C-alpha atoms as a PDB file:
ATOM      1  CA  UNK A   1       0.003   0.136   0.317  1.00  0.00           C
ATOM      2  CA  UNK A   2       2.861   2.306   0.945  1.00  0.00           C
ATOM      3  CA  UNK A   3       4.188   1.500  -1.998  1.00  0.00           C
ATOM      4  CA  UNK A   4       1.191   2.283  -4.499  1.00  0.00           C
ATOM      5  CA  UNK A   5       0.993   5.679  -2.804  1.00  0.00           C
ATOM      6  CA  UNK A   6       4.583   7.203  -3.223  1.00  0.00           C
ATOM      7  CA  UNK A   7       4.201   5.971  -6.682  1.00  0.00           C
ATOM      8  CA  UNK A   8       1.096   7.769  -7.292  1.00  0.00           C
ATOM      9  CA  UNK A   9       2.504  10.718  -5.718  1.00  0.00           C
ATOM     10  CA  UNK A  10       6.020  10.599  -7.582  1.00  0.00           C
ATOM     11  CA  UNK A  11       3.613  10.164 -10.945  1.00  0.00           C
ATOM     12  CA  UNK A  12       1.277  13.261  -9.574  1.00  0.00           C
ATOM     13  CA  UNK A  13       4.774  15.477  -8.957  1.00  0.00           C
ATOM     14  CA  UNK A  14       5.744  14.926 -12.418  1.00  0.00           C
ATOM     15  CA  UNK A  15       2.602  15.894 -13.995  1.00  0.00           C
ATOM     16  CA  UNK A  16       1.991  18.766 -11.501  1.00  0.00           C
ATOM     17  CA  UNK A  17       5.067  20.171 -12.604  1.00  0.00           C
ATOM     18  CA  UNK A  18       4.973  23.060 -15.055  1.00  0.00           C
ATOM     19  CA  UNK A  19       8.744  21.865 -16.456  1.00  0.00           C
ATOM     20  CA  UNK A  20      11.657  21.587 -15.271  1.00  0.00           C
ATOM     21  CA  UNK A  21      11.367  18.995 -12.344  1.00  0.00           C
ATOM     22  CA  UNK A  22      12.835  20.225  -9.352  1.00  0.00           C
ATOM     23  CA  UNK A  23      14.632  17.221  -8.014  1.00  0.00           C
ATOM     24  CA  UNK A  24      15.165  17.837  -4.631  1.00  0.00           C
ATOM     25  CA  UNK A  25      12.221  18.738  -3.596  1.00  0.00           C
ATOM     26  CA  UNK A  26      11.073  15.552  -5.275  1.00  0.00           C
ATOM     27  CA  UNK A  27      13.156  13.729  -3.544  1.00  0.00           C
ATOM     28  CA  UNK A  28      12.560  14.324   0.379  1.00  0.00           C
ATOM     29  CA  UNK A  29       8.899  14.975  -0.566  1.00  0.00           C
ATOM     30  CA  UNK A  30       8.882  10.968  -2.047  1.00  0.00           C
ATOM     31  CA  UNK A  31      10.686  10.741   1.863  1.00  0.00           C
ATOM     32  CA  UNK A  32       8.545  12.161   4.258  1.00  0.00           C
ATOM     33  CA  UNK A  33       5.795  10.918   2.248  1.00  0.00           C
ATOM     34  CA  UNK A  34       6.668   7.594   2.763  1.00  0.00           C
ATOM     35  CA  UNK A  35       8.069   8.390   6.242  1.00  0.00           C
ATOM     36  CA  UNK A  36       3.644   9.419   7.102  1.00  0.00           C
ATOM     37  CA  UNK A  37       1.949   6.745   5.713  1.00  0.00           C
ATOM     38  CA  UNK A  38       4.649   3.918   7.249  1.00  0.00           C
ATOM     39  CA  UNK A  39       3.790   6.130  10.534  1.00  0.00           C
ATOM     40  CA  UNK A  40      -0.019   5.710   9.459  1.00  0.00           C
ATOM     41  CA  UNK A  41       0.752   1.475   8.394  1.00  0.00           C
ATOM     42  CA  UNK A  42       2.557   1.671  11.552  1.00  0.00           C
ATOM     43  CA  UNK A  43      -0.811   3.002  13.958  1.00  0.00           C
ATOM     44  CA  UNK A  44      -3.283   0.304  11.808  1.00  0.00           C
ATOM     45  CA  UNK A  45      -0.954  -2.567  12.692  1.00  0.00           C
ATOM     46  CA  UNK A  46      -0.622  -2.124  16.418  1.00  0.00           C
ATOM     47  CA  UNK A  47      -4.550  -0.758  17.020  1.00  0.00           C
ATOM     48  CA  UNK A  48      -5.326  -3.968  14.945  1.00  0.00           C
ATOM     49  CA  UNK A  49      -3.472  -6.881  16.562  1.00  0.00           C
ATOM     50  CA  UNK A  50      -5.752  -8.047  18.892  1.00  0.00           C
ATOM     51  CA  UNK A  51      -8.237  -9.210  16.003  1.00  0.00           C
ATOM     52  CA  UNK A  52      -4.879 -10.460  14.024  1.00  0.00           C
ATOM     53  CA  UNK A  53      -4.189 -12.208  16.943  1.00  0.00           C
ATOM     54  CA  UNK A  54      -7.996 -14.515  16.346  1.00  0.00           C
ATOM     55  CA  UNK A  55      -7.346 -14.706  12.727  1.00  0.00           C
ATOM     56  CA  UNK A  56      -5.297 -18.315  11.653  1.00  0.00           C
ATOM     57  CA  UNK A  57      -4.077 -16.169   9.206  1.00  0.00           C
ATOM     58  CA  UNK A  58      -2.607 -13.526  10.889  1.00  0.00           C
ATOM     59  CA  UNK A  59      -2.053 -14.296  14.198  1.00  0.00           C
ATOM     60  CA  UNK A  60       1.271 -14.764  13.610  1.00  0.00           C
ATOM     61  CA  UNK A  61       2.310 -11.669  13.014  1.00  0.00           C
ATOM     62  CA  UNK A  62       5.255 -10.048  14.565  1.00  0.00           C
ATOM     63  CA  UNK A  63       2.976  -7.670  17.464  1.00  0.00           C
ATOM     64  CA  UNK A  64       0.288  -9.953  18.071  1.00  0.00           C
ATOM     65  CA  UNK A  65       2.155 -13.146  18.459  1.00  0.00           C
ATOM     66  CA  UNK A  66       4.201 -11.142  21.429  1.00  0.00           C
ATOM     67  CA  UNK A  67       8.032 -10.842  19.072  1.00  0.00           C
ATOM     68  CA  UNK A  68       7.700  -7.330  19.188  1.00  0.00           C
ATOM     69  CA  UNK A  69       6.112  -5.460  22.179  1.00  0.00           C
ATOM     70  CA  UNK A  70       3.806  -2.645  21.941  1.00  0.00           C
ATOM     71  CA  UNK A  71       5.404  -0.062  23.278  1.00  0.00           C
ATOM     72  CA  UNK A  72       8.164  -0.971  20.681  1.00  0.00           C
ATOM     73  CA  UNK A  73       5.680  -0.427  17.931  1.00  0.00           C
ATOM     74  CA  UNK A  74       4.085   2.434  19.377  1.00  0.00           C
ATOM     75  CA  UNK A  75       7.773   4.378  19.642  1.00  0.00           C
ATOM     76  CA  UNK A  76       8.560   3.258  15.702  1.00  0.00           C
ATOM     77  CA  UNK A  77       5.309   4.249  14.830  1.00  0.00           C
ATOM     78  CA  UNK A  78       5.610   8.054  16.159  1.00  0.00           C
ATOM     79  CA  UNK A  79       9.650   8.303  15.774  1.00  0.00           C
ATOM     80  CA  UNK A  80       8.819   8.188  11.760  1.00  0.00           C
ATOM     81  CA  UNK A  81       5.604  10.012  12.155  1.00  0.00           C
ATOM     82  CA  UNK A  82       8.282  13.395  13.284  1.00  0.00           C
ATOM     83  CA  UNK A  83      10.870  12.646  11.404  1.00  0.00           C
ATOM     84  CA  UNK A  84       8.440  12.733   7.682  1.00  0.00           C
ATOM     85  CA  UNK A  85       5.734  15.899   8.785  1.00  0.00           C
ATOM     86  CA  UNK A  86       9.518  17.219   9.570  1.00  0.00           C
ATOM     87  CA  UNK A  87      11.233  16.550   7.092  1.00  0.00           C
ATOM     88  CA  UNK A  88       7.305  17.400   4.742  1.00  0.00           C
END
């Protein structure tokens, strides 16, 4: 999902450029969007961990299986979000 979001944002930024593409803006914006989107994905995994534990297909994911403490996942998501927002 994050990769498709990045692809569409890159294509949108290129199409929105009236002439010369500002590569520094494109690169920094892509990294920032990727960080913020990844933070959202991590938060989604944190939110869904109880539901994931109930399903055979997802019960062995790191959060419901207990390989990664929820606290660490929350700190990781917050760090990604802060870095991405600051970059943007």
